[in-house]
Structures are given as C-alpha cells and as structure tokens.
Amino acid sequence: MTTLLHILPFALGAAVSPALLGASLELLVKFGARGVRMLLLYLLGAAVVVTAVVALALVLPQRAPSNASRVLSDVVDVALGALLLVIAAVLVFRRSAKGPRRPGFAERLSSSRAVGAGVLALGVFMMVTNFSTLVLLLAGSHELSPAGVDPLTRSIGYAVLAVGALLPILLPLGWVLARPAGAMRELSRIDAAIGRHGRMLGILVSLVTALYLLARGFGLL
C-alpha cells in the first residue's frame, strides 16, 4: 500500500498533460461525428508507447534492498527531477504562446486519405514527444522496481501509471460517451482554455513534480 501511495504523485502528474488533452479535444471537435472513432485510434497509438515503457520497466532487473540501492535510488530521483526542471525551462522560454500543440493538425489529417492511420500515428508521436509524461512514467516505474514489492502491488502500480498517462485521452472520451448531447459544446470551451493556458499548466506540473523528486532524492521527504 505504501508503494502505491508513493507512485500516486507520478500518476497524477502524468494525468495533467495539456498537450495530450488539447489534441484529444481538437480531434473530437474537428471530426464531429467521427470524433469518437478518431479518439479511439489516437488512444491506441498513445497506449502503444505507454505499454512499451511499462514492458521495458518489467524486463529491467529488480533492485535488492541495500544501502547502495538506496543511494542509487536517490541519484535517480535527483536526475529525473533535474530533467523535469529542464523541461519546465524549455516551456518557459519557448516562443509559442498558443499552447503545447500545433494548431490545425486535425484539418490536415481530415483531408488525408489515410486519416485513420494518421490519427494512430499522431497518438504515438504525441506520447513519444511528451517528455514530462515519459519522465513521470519512468519515475513511477523506478518506485516499483525494488525486489521486495509483491507482484500484485507491482501490477496494480503499473496499471495506475498507465491509466494516469492515458487519462487526458480517456477523460474526454468518457465524457462524450456519457453525455453525447452537450459534451461537444463543453469540450470546445475547454479546448479554447487549453490553447490559452496549456503551457503554464505544463510548467507548473513539471516544477511541482521536479521539486517532489528532488526533495526525495536529498532525503527531505
């Protein structure tokens, strides 16, 4: 149970991804009646990347409990925290002020003959280039790597991380399925808000999670 509580900050941080959420909303808004089908393909592409990260974590050797292992764990926490600080700095100094996604990609995809394959590839691309989410997945996976973690806890932990990483896609998908009548109007407003404030949200998530990892790495938590 303690291990699962430790990975919750990483799952929650991954769940707050303006880039993935903004792309999900744009697909639903721009594709209209085909939006749900396109979002399912987008989800599949993103899930492929998340599954690959989890599979990689599963094949890595488990850490035996020891003082040396504790030191290595602290070093990993500090390194991942520093990487998130770099990501936050990149977002701060990036020139674009229109949010974390390219505007108009849905229009370009809708004019393509292979629109389904394009949306699937978009899901892969967005997750692969969503560095903050990948770092959080790695940090959470590192938390599950000690040999003392039982298989059930480890399985639940990886499932929580995967759901967290994919929540920016699952949430609007569930919303539009549960409320097909008014969901599109509400999602359009959220899409506009993400376009205005997405970069600032990404910066805050990266900074908060970086501070958490650095505090753990330096023994403050």
Protein backbone atom coordinates (compact mmCIF):
# COMPACT_ATOMS: atom_id res chain seq x y z
CA MET A 1 0.00 0.00 0.00
CA THR A 2 2.84 2.41 0.85
CA THR A 3 4.42 1.78 -2.55
CA LEU A 4 1.13 2.57 -4.32
CA LEU A 5 0.84 5.83 -2.38
CA HIS A 6 4.35 6.77 -3.50
CA ILE A 7 3.51 6.37 -7.19
CA LEU A 8 0.27 8.39 -6.99
CA PRO A 9 2.06 11.77 -7.45
CA PHE A 10 3.62 10.46 -10.66
CA ALA A 11 0.32 9.11 -11.97
CA LEU A 12 -1.46 12.36 -11.12
CA GLY A 13 1.30 14.43 -12.72
CA ALA A 14 1.10 12.35 -15.90
CA ALA A 15 -2.69 12.79 -15.92
CA VAL A 16 -2.26 16.56 -16.22
CA SER A 17 -0.89 16.76 -19.76
CA PRO A 18 -2.11 19.81 -21.69
CA ALA A 19 -0.57 18.52 -24.92
CA LEU A 20 -2.37 15.17 -24.90
CA LEU A 21 -5.63 16.68 -23.63
CA GLY A 22 -5.57 19.51 -26.14
CA ALA A 23 -5.04 17.12 -29.03
CA SER A 24 -7.85 14.87 -27.74
CA LEU A 25 -10.28 17.78 -27.58
CA GLU A 26 -9.30 19.05 -31.01
CA LEU A 27 -9.90 15.64 -32.55
CA LEU A 28 -13.36 15.45 -31.01
CA VAL A 29 -14.27 19.00 -32.01
CA LYS A 30 -12.93 18.93 -35.58
CA PHE A 31 -14.02 15.43 -36.61
CA GLY A 32 -17.60 15.78 -35.38
CA ALA A 33 -19.50 12.51 -35.82
CA ARG A 34 -16.23 10.65 -36.42
CA GLY A 35 -14.62 12.14 -33.33
CA VAL A 36 -15.09 9.14 -31.05
CA ARG A 37 -13.65 6.73 -33.62
CA MET A 38 -10.68 9.03 -34.23
CA LEU A 39 -10.10 9.42 -30.49
CA LEU A 40 -10.08 5.64 -30.04
CA LEU A 41 -7.35 5.38 -32.69
CA TYR A 42 -5.46 8.21 -31.01
CA LEU A 43 -5.79 6.38 -27.66
CA LEU A 44 -4.47 3.18 -29.25
CA GLY A 45 -1.39 4.96 -30.57
CA ALA A 46 -0.63 6.55 -27.20
CA ALA A 47 -1.27 3.24 -25.41
CA VAL A 48 1.33 1.52 -27.58
CA VAL A 49 4.01 3.87 -26.24
CA VAL A 50 2.85 3.54 -22.62
CA THR A 51 2.80 -0.25 -22.95
CA ALA A 52 6.33 -0.20 -24.36
CA VAL A 53 7.59 1.87 -21.40
CA VAL A 54 5.92 -0.47 -18.89
CA ALA A 55 7.26 -3.53 -20.72
CA LEU A 56 10.76 -2.06 -20.62
CA ALA A 57 10.43 -1.44 -16.89
CA LEU A 58 9.28 -5.02 -16.33
CA VAL A 59 12.33 -6.56 -18.02
CA LEU A 60 14.84 -4.43 -16.11
CA PRO A 61 16.47 -6.15 -13.13
CA GLN A 62 14.79 -5.59 -9.77
CA ARG A 63 16.69 -3.72 -7.08
CA ALA A 64 17.70 -5.69 -3.99
CA PRO A 65 17.16 -3.74 -0.73
CA SER A 66 20.55 -2.38 0.39
CA ASN A 67 22.28 0.89 1.28
CA ALA A 68 23.88 1.06 -2.16
CA SER A 69 20.49 0.58 -3.75
CA ARG A 70 19.05 3.40 -1.64
CA VAL A 71 21.82 5.73 -2.77
CA LEU A 72 21.24 4.76 -6.40
CA SER A 73 17.51 5.41 -5.96
CA ASP A 74 18.24 8.88 -4.59
CA VAL A 75 20.53 9.62 -7.53
CA VAL A 76 17.80 8.54 -9.97
CA ASP A 77 15.26 10.78 -8.20
CA VAL A 78 17.60 13.77 -8.42
CA ALA A 79 18.38 13.07 -12.09
CA LEU A 80 14.70 12.78 -13.03
CA GLY A 81 13.86 15.89 -11.02
CA ALA A 82 16.61 17.82 -12.81
CA LEU A 83 15.29 16.60 -16.16
CA LEU A 84 11.81 17.89 -15.29
CA LEU A 85 13.36 21.26 -14.39
CA VAL A 86 14.94 21.35 -17.85
CA ILE A 87 11.56 20.56 -19.43
CA ALA A 88 9.95 23.37 -17.41
CA ALA A 89 12.68 25.77 -18.52
CA VAL A 90 12.15 24.81 -22.17
CA LEU A 91 8.42 25.52 -21.78
CA VAL A 92 9.15 28.87 -20.13
CA PHE A 93 11.45 30.09 -22.89
CA ARG A 94 9.60 28.59 -25.83
CA ARG A 95 8.36 31.34 -28.12
CA SER A 96 4.96 29.88 -28.96
CA ALA A 97 2.15 31.34 -26.85
CA LYS A 98 -0.66 29.25 -28.27
CA GLY A 99 -0.36 26.17 -26.16
CA PRO A 100 1.59 22.93 -26.43
CA ARG A 101 0.10 21.57 -29.65
CA ARG A 102 0.34 22.52 -33.28
CA PRO A 103 -2.80 24.37 -34.42
CA GLY A 104 -4.78 22.93 -37.28
CA PHE A 105 -3.43 19.39 -37.33
CA ALA A 106 -6.97 17.98 -37.30
CA GLU A 107 -7.79 19.79 -40.53
CA ARG A 108 -4.70 18.39 -42.22
CA LEU A 109 -5.50 14.88 -41.02
CA SER A 110 -9.13 15.07 -42.12
CA SER A 111 -8.05 15.88 -45.66
CA SER A 112 -5.75 12.85 -45.79
CA ARG A 113 -6.88 9.61 -47.42
CA ALA A 114 -5.26 7.55 -44.67
CA VAL A 115 -6.90 9.58 -41.89
CA GLY A 116 -7.19 6.61 -39.50
CA ALA A 117 -3.53 5.67 -39.83
CA GLY A 118 -2.61 9.34 -39.45
CA VAL A 119 -4.52 9.68 -36.17
CA LEU A 120 -3.00 6.42 -34.88
CA ALA A 121 0.47 7.72 -35.72
CA LEU A 122 -0.42 11.02 -34.07
CA GLY A 123 -1.14 9.18 -30.81
CA VAL A 124 2.29 7.53 -30.96
CA PHE A 125 4.00 10.81 -31.84
CA MET A 126 2.28 12.86 -29.14
CA MET A 127 3.15 10.36 -26.40
CA VAL A 128 6.73 9.84 -27.58
CA THR A 129 7.34 13.61 -27.63
CA ASN A 130 5.51 14.24 -24.35
CA PHE A 131 8.72 14.15 -22.34
CA SER A 132 7.25 15.16 -18.99
CA THR A 133 4.79 12.24 -19.08
CA LEU A 134 7.56 9.82 -20.05
CA VAL A 135 9.77 11.05 -17.20
CA LEU A 136 6.90 10.59 -14.75
CA LEU A 137 6.28 7.07 -16.06
CA LEU A 138 9.96 6.26 -15.56
CA ALA A 139 9.93 7.74 -12.06
CA GLY A 140 6.87 5.71 -11.11
CA SER A 141 8.35 2.56 -12.63
CA HIS A 142 11.53 3.14 -10.64
CA GLU A 143 9.41 3.22 -7.48
CA LEU A 144 8.09 -0.25 -8.35
CA SER A 145 11.48 -1.77 -9.11
CA PRO A 146 12.63 -2.94 -5.62
CA ALA A 147 12.65 -6.72 -5.29
CA GLY A 148 10.54 -6.54 -2.14
CA VAL A 149 7.45 -5.25 -3.98
CA ASP A 150 5.00 -8.14 -4.36
CA PRO A 151 3.71 -8.99 -7.88
CA LEU A 152 0.12 -7.84 -7.15
CA THR A 153 1.25 -4.42 -5.92
CA ARG A 154 3.60 -4.09 -8.87
CA SER A 155 0.81 -4.96 -11.34
CA ILE A 156 -1.62 -2.51 -9.74
CA GLY A 157 1.08 0.16 -9.69
CA TYR A 158 1.86 -0.16 -13.39
CA ALA A 159 -1.88 -0.11 -14.17
CA VAL A 160 -2.28 3.11 -12.14
CA LEU A 161 0.64 4.70 -14.00
CA ALA A 162 -0.74 3.64 -17.39
CA VAL A 163 -4.23 4.98 -16.62
CA GLY A 164 -2.71 8.24 -15.36
CA ALA A 165 -0.68 8.69 -18.54
CA LEU A 166 -3.71 7.99 -20.74
CA LEU A 167 -6.25 9.92 -18.66
CA PRO A 168 -6.00 13.07 -20.84
CA ILE A 169 -7.45 10.91 -23.63
CA LEU A 170 -9.74 8.68 -21.56
CA LEU A 171 -11.42 11.60 -19.80
CA PRO A 172 -12.81 13.40 -22.88
CA LEU A 173 -13.65 10.05 -24.46
CA GLY A 174 -15.71 9.03 -21.43
CA TRP A 175 -17.26 12.50 -21.28
CA VAL A 176 -18.53 12.43 -24.85
CA LEU A 177 -19.81 8.86 -24.48
CA ALA A 178 -21.65 9.68 -21.25
CA ARG A 179 -23.09 13.00 -22.45
CA PRO A 180 -23.24 12.95 -26.26
CA ALA A 181 -25.73 15.82 -26.40
CA GLY A 182 -23.91 18.62 -24.58
CA ALA A 183 -20.36 17.29 -24.39
CA MET A 184 -19.08 18.81 -27.64
CA ARG A 185 -20.09 22.34 -26.64
CA GLU A 186 -18.41 21.98 -23.23
CA LEU A 187 -15.31 20.36 -24.74
CA SER A 188 -14.99 23.22 -27.23
CA ARG A 189 -14.74 25.69 -24.35
CA ILE A 190 -12.15 23.52 -22.60
CA ASP A 191 -10.21 23.25 -25.88
CA ALA A 192 -10.03 27.04 -26.09
CA ALA A 193 -8.89 27.30 -22.46
CA ILE A 194 -6.16 24.69 -23.03
CA GLY A 195 -4.96 26.69 -26.02
CA ARG A 196 -4.58 29.79 -23.82
CA HIS A 197 -3.21 28.30 -20.60
CA GLY A 198 -1.78 24.89 -21.56
CA ARG A 199 1.86 25.95 -21.47
CA MET A 200 1.57 27.47 -17.99
CA LEU A 201 -0.14 24.31 -16.72
CA GLY A 202 2.65 22.16 -18.18
CA ILE A 203 5.25 24.35 -16.47
CA LEU A 204 3.51 24.07 -13.08
CA VAL A 205 3.17 20.28 -13.31
CA SER A 206 6.84 19.87 -14.26
CA LEU A 207 8.02 22.17 -11.46
CA VAL A 208 5.89 20.62 -8.73
CA THR A 209 6.90 17.08 -9.66
CA ALA A 210 10.56 18.09 -10.01
CA LEU A 211 10.53 19.59 -6.51
CA TYR A 212 8.94 16.40 -5.14
CA LEU A 213 11.62 14.22 -6.75
CA LEU A 214 14.47 16.50 -5.64
CA ALA A 215 13.14 16.59 -2.07
CA ARG A 216 13.04 12.79 -2.01
CA GLY A 217 16.47 12.47 -3.60
CA PHE A 218 18.04 14.77 -1.00
CA GLY A 219 16.28 12.99 1.88
CA LEU A 220 13.85 15.79 2.73
CA LEU A 221 10.79 13.52 2.38
